[in-house]
């Protein structure tokens, strides 16, 4: 059984978690091209290294970051996103159309 340490809930069976993808700098969705946005959403390096990944503890709905070695699959560290992210990302909403 593989165990993953959730920073909020402690060690849990890996079956309780959902992988959310690699932590990467997000381009401004209001200013980037469709091609730049597609690269961000669909492509990644896929090299042998230590990467930061988003993980969700599904029963509690808690998102956190794990550092994992891609060759050994060893989880080296887990921590709350607030350790590296201080600001919330807000997405602008298109103006509502009036109904006549």
Protein backbone atom coordinates (compact mmCIF):
# COMPACT_ATOMS: atom_id res chain seq x y z
CA UNK A 1 0.00 0.00 0.00
CA UNK A 2 1.39 3.42 -0.97
CA UNK A 3 0.99 6.17 1.60
CA UNK A 4 0.91 9.90 0.83
CA UNK A 5 1.27 12.44 3.63
CA UNK A 6 -1.47 15.05 3.42
CA UNK A 7 -0.34 18.27 5.18
CA UNK A 8 -3.86 18.70 6.61
CA UNK A 9 -4.97 15.12 7.31
CA UNK A 10 -1.71 13.22 7.82
CA UNK A 11 -0.63 9.94 6.18
CA UNK A 12 -3.34 8.39 4.00
CA UNK A 13 -3.69 5.62 1.43
CA UNK A 14 -2.86 6.93 -2.06
CA UNK A 15 -6.33 5.86 -3.23
CA UNK A 16 -7.76 8.88 -1.34
CA UNK A 17 -5.91 11.33 -3.60
CA UNK A 18 -6.36 12.78 -7.08
CA UNK A 19 -3.38 14.04 -9.08
CA UNK A 20 -3.88 17.62 -10.28
CA UNK A 21 -0.88 18.11 -12.54
CA UNK A 22 2.41 19.93 -12.37
CA UNK A 23 2.73 23.27 -10.58
CA UNK A 24 3.69 25.80 -13.26
CA UNK A 25 3.47 29.53 -13.77
CA UNK A 26 0.13 30.29 -15.38
CA UNK A 27 0.04 32.79 -18.24
CA UNK A 28 -2.49 35.57 -17.95
CA UNK A 29 -5.58 34.03 -19.61
CA UNK A 30 -6.81 37.49 -20.60
CA UNK A 31 -3.59 38.43 -22.41
CA UNK A 32 -2.05 35.23 -23.79
CA UNK A 33 -2.72 33.72 -27.19
CA UNK A 34 -4.78 30.55 -27.67
CA UNK A 35 -1.55 28.73 -28.53
CA UNK A 36 0.16 29.86 -25.30
CA UNK A 37 -2.88 28.81 -23.25
CA UNK A 38 -3.01 25.39 -24.97
CA UNK A 39 0.71 24.87 -24.26
CA UNK A 40 0.09 25.64 -20.58
CA UNK A 41 -2.94 23.35 -20.29
CA UNK A 42 -1.83 20.35 -22.38
CA UNK A 43 2.00 20.19 -22.52
CA UNK A 44 4.71 19.59 -19.95
CA UNK A 45 8.42 18.71 -19.84
CA UNK A 46 8.23 14.99 -18.89
CA UNK A 47 11.87 14.77 -17.82
CA UNK A 48 13.56 12.85 -14.99
CA UNK A 49 13.73 15.36 -12.17
CA UNK A 50 12.01 16.48 -8.98
CA UNK A 51 8.76 18.25 -9.80
CA UNK A 52 6.09 20.07 -7.82
CA UNK A 53 2.58 18.72 -8.35
CA UNK A 54 -0.93 19.60 -7.24
CA UNK A 55 -2.71 16.87 -5.28
CA UNK A 56 -6.25 16.75 -3.92
CA UNK A 57 -7.25 14.81 -0.82
CA UNK A 58 -10.68 13.87 -2.17
CA UNK A 59 -12.51 13.12 1.12
CA UNK A 60 -11.66 16.53 2.59
CA UNK A 61 -11.43 18.58 -0.64
CA UNK A 62 -7.99 19.86 0.40
CA UNK A 63 -5.51 20.83 -2.35
CA UNK A 64 -1.79 20.78 -1.55
CA UNK A 65 1.59 20.54 -3.25
CA UNK A 66 3.89 17.51 -3.32
CA UNK A 67 7.46 17.34 -4.54
CA UNK A 68 7.97 14.02 -6.35
CA UNK A 69 10.92 12.45 -8.16
CA UNK A 70 9.69 11.37 -11.61
CA UNK A 71 12.08 8.40 -11.95
CA UNK A 72 11.60 6.81 -8.53
CA UNK A 73 8.03 8.10 -7.88
CA UNK A 74 9.23 8.97 -4.35
CA UNK A 75 7.31 11.77 -2.63
CA UNK A 76 9.98 13.95 -1.03
CA UNK A 77 7.85 16.62 0.59
CA UNK A 78 4.23 17.79 0.89
CA UNK A 79 3.05 21.23 1.98
CA UNK A 80 0.22 23.74 1.91
CA UNK A 81 0.13 25.97 -1.21
CA UNK A 82 0.26 29.08 0.99
CA UNK A 83 3.97 28.39 1.46
CA UNK A 84 4.62 29.55 -2.12
CA UNK A 85 1.40 31.32 -3.18
CA UNK A 86 0.43 34.48 -1.32
CA UNK A 87 -2.16 35.95 -3.71
CA UNK A 88 -5.39 34.52 -5.06
CA UNK A 89 -5.78 34.37 -8.84
CA UNK A 90 -8.99 36.00 -10.03
CA UNK A 91 -10.44 35.40 -13.48
CA UNK A 92 -12.34 38.28 -15.04
CA UNK A 93 -15.96 37.67 -15.93
CA UNK A 94 -17.33 38.76 -19.31
CA UNK A 95 -19.95 41.53 -19.05
CA UNK A 96 -23.49 40.26 -18.75
CA UNK A 97 -25.67 40.94 -21.74
CA UNK A 98 -28.95 42.65 -21.05
CA UNK A 99 -32.07 40.85 -22.14
CA UNK A 100 -34.56 43.11 -23.91
